[in-house]
N, C-alpha and C. Protein backbone atom coordinates (compact mmCIF):
# COMPACT_ATOMS: atom_id res chain seq x y z
N MET A 1 0.85 -1.18 0.00
CA MET A 1 0.00 0.00 0.00
C MET A 1 0.89 1.24 0.00
N ILE A 2 0.61 2.14 -0.90
CA ILE A 2 1.40 3.35 -1.02
C ILE A 2 0.59 4.52 -0.46
N ILE A 3 1.22 5.24 0.46
CA ILE A 3 0.58 6.43 1.03
C ILE A 3 1.35 7.64 0.54
N ASN A 4 0.65 8.56 -0.13
CA ASN A 4 1.37 9.74 -0.60
C ASN A 4 1.64 10.68 0.57
N PHE A 5 2.52 11.62 0.37
CA PHE A 5 2.99 12.51 1.42
C PHE A 5 1.83 13.29 2.05
N ARG A 6 0.90 13.78 1.23
CA ARG A 6 -0.22 14.56 1.72
C ARG A 6 -1.08 13.73 2.67
N ASN A 7 -1.41 12.49 2.30
CA ASN A 7 -2.21 11.62 3.16
C ASN A 7 -1.47 11.27 4.44
N PHE A 8 -0.14 11.09 4.34
CA PHE A 8 0.66 10.79 5.51
C PHE A 8 0.59 11.95 6.52
N ILE A 9 0.72 13.18 6.03
CA ILE A 9 0.66 14.36 6.89
C ILE A 9 -0.73 14.46 7.54
N LEU A 10 -1.79 14.22 6.77
CA LEU A 10 -3.14 14.28 7.33
C LEU A 10 -3.34 13.21 8.41
N LEU A 11 -2.86 11.99 8.15
CA LEU A 11 -2.98 10.91 9.10
C LEU A 11 -2.18 11.22 10.38
N ALA A 12 -0.95 11.67 10.22
CA ALA A 12 -0.10 12.01 11.37
C ALA A 12 -0.72 13.15 12.17
N GLY A 13 -1.24 14.16 11.48
CA GLY A 13 -1.87 15.29 12.16
C GLY A 13 -3.08 14.86 12.96
N SER A 14 -3.87 13.93 12.41
CA SER A 14 -5.05 13.43 13.12
C SER A 14 -4.65 12.69 14.39
N VAL A 15 -3.61 11.84 14.26
CA VAL A 15 -3.14 11.09 15.43
C VAL A 15 -2.65 12.04 16.52
N ILE A 16 -1.89 13.05 16.13
CA ILE A 16 -1.37 14.03 17.09
C ILE A 16 -2.51 14.80 17.74
N MET A 17 -3.51 15.21 16.95
CA MET A 17 -4.63 15.97 17.51
C MET A 17 -5.42 15.13 18.50
N VAL A 18 -5.66 13.86 18.18
CA VAL A 18 -6.39 12.98 19.10
C VAL A 18 -5.58 12.78 20.37
N SER A 19 -4.27 12.59 20.23
CA SER A 19 -3.40 12.40 21.39
C SER A 19 -3.41 13.63 22.28
N CYS A 20 -3.27 14.81 21.69
CA CYS A 20 -3.27 16.05 22.47
C CYS A 20 -4.61 16.27 23.14
N ALA A 21 -5.69 16.01 22.40
CA ALA A 21 -7.02 16.20 22.98
C ALA A 21 -7.21 15.30 24.18
N THR A 22 -6.72 14.07 24.09
CA THR A 22 -6.85 13.15 25.21
C THR A 22 -6.09 13.66 26.42
N ASN A 23 -4.85 14.13 26.22
CA ASN A 23 -4.06 14.64 27.33
C ASN A 23 -4.68 15.88 27.95
N ILE A 24 -5.16 16.78 27.11
CA ILE A 24 -5.80 17.99 27.63
C ILE A 24 -7.07 17.61 28.38
N HIS A 25 -7.80 16.64 27.80
CA HIS A 25 -9.03 16.17 28.42
C HIS A 25 -8.77 15.67 29.83
N LYS A 26 -7.74 14.86 29.99
CA LYS A 26 -7.41 14.33 31.32
C LYS A 26 -6.93 15.44 32.25
N LYS A 27 -6.06 16.31 31.76
CA LYS A 27 -5.52 17.37 32.61
C LYS A 27 -6.61 18.35 33.02
N ALA A 28 -7.65 18.46 32.20
CA ALA A 28 -8.73 19.39 32.53
C ALA A 28 -9.65 18.84 33.61
N GLY A 29 -9.46 17.59 34.00
CA GLY A 29 -10.26 17.05 35.08
C GLY A 29 -11.55 16.40 34.63
N HIS A 30 -11.52 15.72 33.53
CA HIS A 30 -12.69 15.01 33.04
C HIS A 30 -13.03 13.85 33.98
N PRO A 31 -14.30 13.48 34.12
CA PRO A 31 -14.66 12.39 35.03
C PRO A 31 -13.89 11.09 34.79
N ASP A 32 -13.54 10.80 33.54
CA ASP A 32 -12.79 9.58 33.26
C ASP A 32 -11.40 9.62 33.89
N ALA A 33 -10.91 10.82 34.20
CA ALA A 33 -9.56 10.96 34.74
C ALA A 33 -9.56 10.96 36.28
N LEU A 34 -10.72 10.97 36.91
CA LEU A 34 -10.79 10.98 38.36
C LEU A 34 -10.42 9.59 38.88
N ILE A 35 -9.44 9.53 39.78
CA ILE A 35 -9.02 8.25 40.35
C ILE A 35 -10.08 7.78 41.33
N ASP A 36 -10.55 6.56 41.15
CA ASP A 36 -11.57 5.99 42.03
C ASP A 36 -10.88 5.17 43.11
N LEU A 37 -10.64 5.79 44.27
CA LEU A 37 -9.96 5.11 45.36
C LEU A 37 -10.86 4.11 46.09
N SER A 38 -12.16 4.11 45.78
CA SER A 38 -13.04 3.15 46.44
C SER A 38 -12.70 1.72 46.02
N ASP A 39 -11.99 1.56 44.90
CA ASP A 39 -11.55 0.24 44.45
C ASP A 39 -10.25 -0.20 45.12
N GLN A 40 -9.60 0.71 45.82
CA GLN A 40 -8.31 0.41 46.44
C GLN A 40 -8.50 -0.26 47.80
N SER A 41 -7.68 -1.24 48.11
CA SER A 41 -7.78 -1.90 49.41
C SER A 41 -7.21 -1.02 50.52
N ALA A 42 -6.33 -0.08 50.16
CA ALA A 42 -5.74 0.80 51.16
C ALA A 42 -5.39 2.14 50.54
N TYR A 43 -5.58 3.20 51.31
CA TYR A 43 -5.15 4.54 50.91
C TYR A 43 -5.05 5.38 52.18
N GLU A 44 -4.40 6.52 52.06
CA GLU A 44 -4.33 7.46 53.18
C GLU A 44 -4.09 8.86 52.66
N PHE A 45 -4.48 9.83 53.47
CA PHE A 45 -4.16 11.22 53.16
C PHE A 45 -3.90 11.97 54.45
N ARG A 46 -3.19 13.08 54.31
CA ARG A 46 -2.88 13.98 55.43
C ARG A 46 -3.28 15.39 55.01
N GLY A 47 -3.68 16.17 55.99
CA GLY A 47 -4.05 17.55 55.69
C GLY A 47 -4.69 18.20 56.90
N LYS A 48 -5.66 19.07 56.64
CA LYS A 48 -6.40 19.76 57.70
C LYS A 48 -7.89 19.53 57.47
N MET A 49 -8.62 19.41 58.58
CA MET A 49 -10.05 19.16 58.50
C MET A 49 -10.76 20.01 59.54
N SER A 50 -11.94 20.52 59.16
CA SER A 50 -12.72 21.30 60.13
C SER A 50 -14.19 20.93 60.03
N PHE A 51 -14.89 21.09 61.15
CA PHE A 51 -16.32 20.84 61.25
C PHE A 51 -16.96 22.09 61.85
N SER A 52 -18.14 22.46 61.36
CA SER A 52 -18.85 23.62 61.92
C SER A 52 -20.35 23.38 61.88
N ASP A 53 -21.03 23.82 62.94
CA ASP A 53 -22.49 23.74 62.95
C ASP A 53 -23.11 25.10 62.61
N GLY A 54 -22.31 26.00 62.11
CA GLY A 54 -22.77 27.35 61.76
C GLY A 54 -22.53 28.35 62.87
N THR A 55 -22.36 27.87 64.10
CA THR A 55 -22.08 28.73 65.25
C THR A 55 -20.74 28.37 65.87
N GLU A 56 -20.55 27.09 66.14
CA GLU A 56 -19.32 26.61 66.74
C GLU A 56 -18.65 25.61 65.80
N GLY A 57 -17.35 25.49 65.97
CA GLY A 57 -16.63 24.54 65.14
C GLY A 57 -15.28 24.21 65.71
N GLY A 58 -14.61 23.34 65.03
CA GLY A 58 -13.27 22.95 65.44
C GLY A 58 -12.50 22.48 64.23
N SER A 59 -11.18 22.55 64.33
CA SER A 59 -10.35 22.13 63.20
C SER A 59 -9.06 21.53 63.73
N GLY A 60 -8.38 20.84 62.85
CA GLY A 60 -7.11 20.26 63.23
C GLY A 60 -6.45 19.55 62.08
N HIS A 61 -5.27 19.04 62.36
CA HIS A 61 -4.56 18.24 61.37
C HIS A 61 -5.19 16.87 61.34
N VAL A 62 -5.34 16.32 60.14
CA VAL A 62 -5.98 15.02 60.00
C VAL A 62 -5.06 14.04 59.29
N HIS A 63 -5.07 12.81 59.76
CA HIS A 63 -4.40 11.69 59.09
C HIS A 63 -5.45 10.60 58.97
N TRP A 64 -5.90 10.37 57.74
CA TRP A 64 -6.98 9.42 57.46
C TRP A 64 -6.38 8.22 56.77
N GLN A 65 -6.56 7.03 57.35
CA GLN A 65 -6.03 5.80 56.78
C GLN A 65 -7.13 4.76 56.63
N LYS A 66 -7.16 4.13 55.46
CA LYS A 66 -8.10 3.04 55.22
C LYS A 66 -7.29 1.83 54.81
N SER A 67 -7.57 0.70 55.44
CA SER A 67 -6.96 -0.56 55.03
C SER A 67 -8.07 -1.59 54.88
N THR A 68 -7.72 -2.81 54.56
CA THR A 68 -8.74 -3.85 54.42
C THR A 68 -9.40 -4.17 55.75
N GLN A 69 -8.72 -3.93 56.87
CA GLN A 69 -9.25 -4.26 58.19
C GLN A 69 -9.99 -3.11 58.87
N GLU A 70 -9.58 -1.86 58.61
CA GLU A 70 -10.15 -0.76 59.38
C GLU A 70 -9.99 0.59 58.69
N ILE A 71 -10.72 1.54 59.23
CA ILE A 71 -10.52 2.96 58.91
C ILE A 71 -10.09 3.61 60.21
N GLN A 72 -9.03 4.42 60.12
CA GLN A 72 -8.57 5.15 61.30
C GLN A 72 -8.39 6.62 60.92
N VAL A 73 -9.01 7.48 61.72
CA VAL A 73 -8.93 8.93 61.49
C VAL A 73 -8.37 9.56 62.76
N VAL A 74 -7.24 10.24 62.62
CA VAL A 74 -6.63 10.95 63.74
C VAL A 74 -6.79 12.45 63.48
N LEU A 75 -7.39 13.15 64.42
CA LEU A 75 -7.58 14.59 64.30
C LEU A 75 -6.91 15.25 65.50
N LYS A 76 -5.97 16.18 65.22
CA LYS A 76 -5.22 16.87 66.28
C LYS A 76 -5.39 18.37 66.13
N ALA A 77 -5.85 19.01 67.21
CA ALA A 77 -5.98 20.47 67.23
C ALA A 77 -4.60 21.07 67.49
N PRO A 78 -4.15 21.99 66.62
CA PRO A 78 -2.79 22.51 66.76
C PRO A 78 -2.55 23.38 67.99
N LEU A 79 -3.53 24.16 68.40
CA LEU A 79 -3.31 25.09 69.52
C LEU A 79 -3.52 24.42 70.87
N SER A 80 -4.61 23.71 71.03
CA SER A 80 -4.91 23.10 72.33
C SER A 80 -4.18 21.78 72.54
N LYS A 81 -3.60 21.24 71.47
CA LYS A 81 -2.89 19.95 71.51
C LYS A 81 -3.83 18.78 71.84
N LYS A 82 -5.15 19.03 71.83
CA LYS A 82 -6.11 17.95 72.05
C LYS A 82 -6.24 17.15 70.75
N SER A 83 -6.55 15.87 70.91
CA SER A 83 -6.73 15.03 69.74
C SER A 83 -7.67 13.89 70.05
N TRP A 84 -8.19 13.29 69.00
CA TRP A 84 -8.93 12.05 69.14
C TRP A 84 -8.65 11.17 67.93
N THR A 85 -8.76 9.87 68.17
CA THR A 85 -8.54 8.89 67.12
C THR A 85 -9.78 8.03 67.00
N LEU A 86 -10.39 8.06 65.81
CA LEU A 86 -11.55 7.24 65.51
C LEU A 86 -11.06 6.00 64.76
N THR A 87 -11.41 4.83 65.25
CA THR A 87 -11.06 3.58 64.58
C THR A 87 -12.34 2.78 64.37
N GLU A 88 -12.54 2.34 63.13
CA GLU A 88 -13.72 1.55 62.81
C GLU A 88 -13.29 0.26 62.12
N THR A 89 -13.79 -0.87 62.64
CA THR A 89 -13.60 -2.17 62.01
C THR A 89 -14.98 -2.71 61.65
N SER A 90 -15.02 -3.90 61.12
CA SER A 90 -16.32 -4.49 60.77
C SER A 90 -17.13 -4.85 62.02
N HIS A 91 -16.48 -4.94 63.19
CA HIS A 91 -17.16 -5.36 64.41
C HIS A 91 -17.50 -4.22 65.36
N GLN A 92 -16.65 -3.19 65.42
CA GLN A 92 -16.92 -2.11 66.37
C GLN A 92 -16.20 -0.83 65.96
N ALA A 93 -16.53 0.23 66.67
CA ALA A 93 -15.89 1.52 66.47
C ALA A 93 -15.47 2.05 67.83
N SER A 94 -14.39 2.84 67.82
CA SER A 94 -13.94 3.43 69.08
C SER A 94 -13.35 4.81 68.82
N ILE A 95 -13.43 5.64 69.82
CA ILE A 95 -12.76 6.94 69.80
C ILE A 95 -11.91 7.00 71.07
N LYS A 96 -10.66 7.33 70.88
CA LYS A 96 -9.75 7.53 72.01
C LYS A 96 -9.32 8.98 71.99
N THR A 97 -9.46 9.67 73.12
CA THR A 97 -9.09 11.08 73.20
C THR A 97 -7.69 11.23 73.76
N SER A 98 -7.13 12.42 73.59
CA SER A 98 -5.77 12.68 74.07
C SER A 98 -5.66 12.64 75.60
N ASN A 99 -6.78 12.80 76.31
CA ASN A 99 -6.73 12.72 77.78
C ASN A 99 -6.99 11.30 78.29
N GLY A 100 -6.97 10.32 77.38
CA GLY A 100 -7.06 8.92 77.78
C GLY A 100 -8.45 8.32 77.81
N GLN A 101 -9.48 9.12 77.54
CA GLN A 101 -10.83 8.57 77.50
C GLN A 101 -11.01 7.69 76.26
N ARG A 102 -11.81 6.64 76.40
CA ARG A 102 -12.08 5.75 75.28
C ARG A 102 -13.59 5.46 75.25
N PHE A 103 -14.17 5.63 74.06
CA PHE A 103 -15.59 5.39 73.86
C PHE A 103 -15.73 4.29 72.81
N ILE A 104 -16.58 3.31 73.07
CA ILE A 104 -16.74 2.17 72.17
C ILE A 104 -18.22 2.03 71.81
N SER A 105 -18.47 1.69 70.54
CA SER A 105 -19.84 1.51 70.06
C SER A 105 -19.81 0.61 68.83
N THR A 106 -20.97 0.17 68.43
CA THR A 106 -21.06 -0.54 67.14
C THR A 106 -21.20 0.46 66.00
N SER A 107 -21.41 1.74 66.32
CA SER A 107 -21.65 2.77 65.30
C SER A 107 -20.60 3.89 65.37
N ALA A 108 -19.76 3.95 64.35
CA ALA A 108 -18.79 5.05 64.25
C ALA A 108 -19.52 6.37 64.05
N ALA A 109 -20.65 6.35 63.35
CA ALA A 109 -21.42 7.58 63.12
C ALA A 109 -21.88 8.18 64.44
N ASP A 110 -22.34 7.34 65.36
CA ASP A 110 -22.79 7.84 66.66
C ASP A 110 -21.63 8.42 67.46
N LEU A 111 -20.50 7.70 67.47
CA LEU A 111 -19.33 8.19 68.22
C LEU A 111 -18.85 9.53 67.67
N LEU A 112 -18.73 9.62 66.36
CA LEU A 112 -18.26 10.85 65.72
C LEU A 112 -19.23 11.99 65.99
N SER A 113 -20.52 11.72 65.85
CA SER A 113 -21.53 12.76 66.07
C SER A 113 -21.51 13.24 67.51
N ASN A 114 -21.27 12.34 68.47
CA ASN A 114 -21.17 12.75 69.88
C ASN A 114 -19.96 13.65 70.11
N GLN A 115 -18.85 13.37 69.45
CA GLN A 115 -17.66 14.21 69.60
C GLN A 115 -17.85 15.58 68.95
N ILE A 116 -18.46 15.60 67.77
CA ILE A 116 -18.63 16.85 67.02
C ILE A 116 -19.79 17.68 67.57
N GLY A 117 -20.86 16.99 68.01
CA GLY A 117 -22.01 17.73 68.56
C GLY A 117 -23.20 17.81 67.63
N TRP A 118 -23.13 17.23 66.47
CA TRP A 118 -24.25 17.17 65.54
C TRP A 118 -24.09 15.92 64.65
N GLN A 119 -25.17 15.55 63.95
CA GLN A 119 -25.21 14.31 63.20
C GLN A 119 -24.35 14.39 61.93
N VAL A 120 -23.18 13.78 62.00
CA VAL A 120 -22.26 13.76 60.86
C VAL A 120 -22.60 12.55 59.99
N PRO A 121 -22.73 12.74 58.67
CA PRO A 121 -23.07 11.62 57.77
C PRO A 121 -21.83 10.75 57.51
N TRP A 122 -21.46 9.94 58.49
CA TRP A 122 -20.21 9.19 58.46
C TRP A 122 -20.08 8.27 57.24
N GLU A 123 -21.10 7.51 56.93
CA GLU A 123 -21.02 6.57 55.80
C GLU A 123 -20.76 7.33 54.51
N ALA A 124 -21.49 8.40 54.28
CA ALA A 124 -21.31 9.20 53.07
C ALA A 124 -19.95 9.90 53.09
N LEU A 125 -19.54 10.39 54.26
CA LEU A 125 -18.27 11.10 54.38
C LEU A 125 -17.09 10.24 53.92
N GLN A 126 -17.17 8.94 54.15
CA GLN A 126 -16.10 8.05 53.71
C GLN A 126 -15.94 8.06 52.19
N SER A 127 -17.03 8.26 51.47
CA SER A 127 -16.96 8.39 50.01
C SER A 127 -16.53 9.79 49.61
N TRP A 128 -17.08 10.79 50.30
CA TRP A 128 -16.79 12.19 49.94
C TRP A 128 -15.32 12.53 50.07
N VAL A 129 -14.65 12.02 51.11
CA VAL A 129 -13.25 12.41 51.32
C VAL A 129 -12.34 11.88 50.21
N ILE A 130 -12.77 10.84 49.50
CA ILE A 130 -11.97 10.33 48.38
C ILE A 130 -12.49 10.83 47.04
N GLY A 131 -13.36 11.85 47.09
CA GLY A 131 -13.81 12.50 45.86
C GLY A 131 -14.95 11.83 45.15
N GLN A 132 -15.66 10.94 45.82
CA GLN A 132 -16.73 10.18 45.19
C GLN A 132 -18.08 10.46 45.83
N PRO A 133 -19.16 10.36 45.06
CA PRO A 133 -20.48 10.43 45.69
C PRO A 133 -20.77 9.12 46.41
N ASN A 134 -21.62 9.18 47.43
CA ASN A 134 -22.11 7.98 48.08
C ASN A 134 -23.08 7.30 47.11
N GLN A 135 -23.67 6.20 47.47
CA GLN A 135 -24.54 5.45 46.56
C GLN A 135 -25.68 6.29 45.99
N SER A 136 -26.21 7.21 46.78
CA SER A 136 -27.36 8.00 46.33
C SER A 136 -26.96 9.31 45.68
N GLY A 137 -25.66 9.62 45.66
CA GLY A 137 -25.23 10.93 45.20
C GLY A 137 -25.01 11.04 43.70
N THR A 138 -24.87 12.28 43.23
CA THR A 138 -24.57 12.55 41.82
C THR A 138 -23.34 13.44 41.72
N LEU A 139 -22.61 13.30 40.64
CA LEU A 139 -21.38 14.07 40.42
C LEU A 139 -21.55 14.92 39.17
N GLU A 140 -21.18 16.19 39.26
CA GLU A 140 -21.30 17.11 38.12
C GLU A 140 -20.03 17.94 38.01
N TRP A 141 -19.44 17.94 36.81
CA TRP A 141 -18.21 18.71 36.59
C TRP A 141 -18.54 20.16 36.32
N HIS A 142 -17.69 21.06 36.84
CA HIS A 142 -17.86 22.49 36.58
C HIS A 142 -17.50 22.78 35.13
N ASP A 143 -18.08 23.85 34.60
CA ASP A 143 -17.80 24.22 33.21
C ASP A 143 -16.33 24.56 32.98
N ASP A 144 -15.65 25.06 34.02
CA ASP A 144 -14.25 25.46 33.85
C ASP A 144 -13.30 24.27 33.99
N HIS A 145 -13.81 23.08 34.27
CA HIS A 145 -13.03 21.85 34.42
C HIS A 145 -11.95 21.94 35.49
N LYS A 146 -12.11 22.86 36.43
CA LYS A 146 -11.14 22.97 37.52
C LYS A 146 -11.64 22.30 38.79
N GLY A 147 -12.81 21.73 38.73
CA GLY A 147 -13.37 21.07 39.88
C GLY A 147 -14.71 20.44 39.55
N TYR A 148 -15.35 19.91 40.57
CA TYR A 148 -16.64 19.29 40.37
C TYR A 148 -17.43 19.35 41.66
N THR A 149 -18.72 19.03 41.58
CA THR A 149 -19.62 19.09 42.71
C THR A 149 -20.34 17.76 42.85
N VAL A 150 -20.48 17.30 44.07
CA VAL A 150 -21.29 16.12 44.38
C VAL A 150 -22.48 16.59 45.20
N THR A 151 -23.66 16.11 44.85
CA THR A 151 -24.86 16.38 45.63
C THR A 151 -25.30 15.06 46.23
N ASP A 152 -25.48 15.03 47.55
CA ASP A 152 -25.73 13.77 48.24
C ASP A 152 -26.46 14.02 49.55
N GLN A 153 -27.65 13.46 49.72
CA GLN A 153 -28.42 13.53 50.96
C GLN A 153 -28.64 14.97 51.45
N GLY A 154 -28.85 15.88 50.52
CA GLY A 154 -29.05 17.28 50.88
C GLY A 154 -27.76 18.06 51.07
N TRP A 155 -26.62 17.38 51.00
CA TRP A 155 -25.31 18.02 51.11
C TRP A 155 -24.82 18.38 49.71
N VAL A 156 -24.11 19.51 49.62
CA VAL A 156 -23.42 19.90 48.39
C VAL A 156 -21.93 19.87 48.71
N ILE A 157 -21.19 19.05 47.98
CA ILE A 157 -19.77 18.88 48.23
C ILE A 157 -19.02 19.42 47.03
N GLN A 158 -18.19 20.43 47.25
CA GLN A 158 -17.43 21.07 46.17
C GLN A 158 -15.98 20.61 46.24
N TYR A 159 -15.45 20.20 45.08
CA TYR A 159 -14.08 19.71 44.98
C TYR A 159 -13.29 20.66 44.09
N SER A 160 -12.10 21.01 44.55
CA SER A 160 -11.24 21.89 43.75
C SER A 160 -9.78 21.54 44.02
N LYS A 161 -8.90 22.34 43.45
CA LYS A 161 -7.46 22.09 43.54
C LYS A 161 -7.14 20.65 43.12
N LEU A 162 -7.56 20.32 41.91
CA LEU A 162 -7.32 18.98 41.38
C LEU A 162 -5.85 18.85 41.01
N GLU A 163 -5.23 17.78 41.47
CA GLU A 163 -3.82 17.53 41.18
C GLU A 163 -3.69 16.30 40.31
N ASN A 164 -2.77 16.37 39.35
CA ASN A 164 -2.54 15.25 38.44
C ASN A 164 -1.64 14.20 39.06
N TYR A 165 -2.04 12.95 38.88
CA TYR A 165 -1.24 11.79 39.26
C TYR A 165 -1.15 10.89 38.03
N GLU A 166 -0.36 9.86 38.13
CA GLU A 166 -0.13 8.99 36.97
C GLU A 166 -1.43 8.44 36.39
N LYS A 167 -2.39 8.09 37.23
CA LYS A 167 -3.62 7.46 36.75
C LYS A 167 -4.81 8.41 36.67
N GLY A 168 -4.60 9.70 36.90
CA GLY A 168 -5.70 10.65 36.84
C GLY A 168 -5.54 11.76 37.84
N VAL A 169 -6.67 12.34 38.27
CA VAL A 169 -6.63 13.47 39.19
C VAL A 169 -7.31 13.11 40.50
N LEU A 170 -6.89 13.83 41.56
CA LEU A 170 -7.54 13.75 42.86
C LEU A 170 -7.70 15.16 43.40
N PRO A 171 -8.80 15.43 44.12
CA PRO A 171 -9.00 16.76 44.69
C PRO A 171 -8.13 16.94 45.94
N HIS A 172 -7.71 18.18 46.15
CA HIS A 172 -6.96 18.52 47.36
C HIS A 172 -7.73 19.52 48.23
N LYS A 173 -8.90 19.93 47.77
CA LYS A 173 -9.75 20.80 48.59
C LYS A 173 -11.19 20.30 48.47
N VAL A 174 -11.82 20.07 49.64
CA VAL A 174 -13.18 19.55 49.69
C VAL A 174 -13.96 20.41 50.69
N ILE A 175 -15.12 20.90 50.25
CA ILE A 175 -16.01 21.64 51.15
C ILE A 175 -17.41 21.04 51.02
N ALA A 176 -17.91 20.47 52.12
CA ALA A 176 -19.25 19.88 52.16
C ALA A 176 -20.14 20.80 52.99
N ARG A 177 -21.32 21.14 52.43
CA ARG A 177 -22.24 22.05 53.14
C ARG A 177 -23.67 21.54 53.09
N LYS A 178 -24.31 21.65 54.22
CA LYS A 178 -25.76 21.45 54.33
C LYS A 178 -26.18 22.39 55.44
N ASN A 179 -26.78 23.49 55.07
CA ASN A 179 -27.07 24.58 56.00
C ASN A 179 -27.68 24.08 57.30
N PRO A 180 -27.09 24.45 58.45
CA PRO A 180 -25.98 25.37 58.69
C PRO A 180 -24.62 24.67 58.81
N TYR A 181 -24.54 23.36 58.51
CA TYR A 181 -23.34 22.57 58.77
C TYR A 181 -22.33 22.64 57.62
N SER A 182 -21.07 22.47 57.99
CA SER A 182 -20.03 22.39 56.96
C SER A 182 -18.88 21.50 57.45
N ILE A 183 -18.28 20.82 56.49
CA ILE A 183 -17.09 20.01 56.73
C ILE A 183 -16.09 20.43 55.66
N LYS A 184 -14.90 20.84 56.08
CA LYS A 184 -13.89 21.30 55.13
C LYS A 184 -12.64 20.46 55.26
N LEU A 185 -12.02 20.21 54.13
CA LEU A 185 -10.84 19.36 54.10
C LEU A 185 -9.84 19.95 53.11
N SER A 186 -8.61 20.14 53.58
CA SER A 186 -7.51 20.59 52.73
C SER A 186 -6.44 19.50 52.79
N ILE A 187 -6.24 18.82 51.67
CA ILE A 187 -5.36 17.65 51.65
C ILE A 187 -3.98 18.05 51.15
N LYS A 188 -2.95 17.69 51.93
CA LYS A 188 -1.57 17.96 51.53
C LYS A 188 -0.98 16.82 50.72
N SER A 189 -1.30 15.58 51.09
CA SER A 189 -0.70 14.45 50.38
C SER A 189 -1.61 13.24 50.37
N TRP A 190 -1.59 12.51 49.25
CA TRP A 190 -2.33 11.26 49.08
C TRP A 190 -1.33 10.12 48.92
N GLN A 191 -1.70 8.95 49.41
CA GLN A 191 -0.93 7.73 49.14
C GLN A 191 -1.90 6.58 48.97
N TRP A 192 -1.59 5.70 48.00
CA TRP A 192 -2.40 4.50 47.79
C TRP A 192 -1.57 3.43 47.15
């Protein structure tokens, strides 16, 4: 088969355009480029997390780890040096505070809500922190392709500061709101 020079240039140009469009598409934060960590047996992130009921709130450094056996969330307040560690397994949940108190329950949602002071959607939050909607939620990309929004159980979760990784993008800023409540997360590093 003989390809003349003009056809070769057209074919090469098409291949280059498709390749560039694909790379731009991924870098722009298309849903296909979002890394789905829910399929991973283990992941972790570090950053800052805050909770607010519209009047009172608290914040601290967070280290969130998920493995096949458990989820462990450590939250440390920088000024007061107070902290608590939430650990959830398939059998039980516990919170241990920096002053040595330990609370045990079959429900991590109840333990977390007692510490925070209002009903935190724990099951959904586990999906939200990794950039995914919970089972009932929907995901919508912003027109500027710099972020996306998840709507779930009356909460609106906004994702921004998308960072590129080898297999796609992950958000580094998460703000979940359901008036008057808010949960904010600023992630410094991801590992999986």
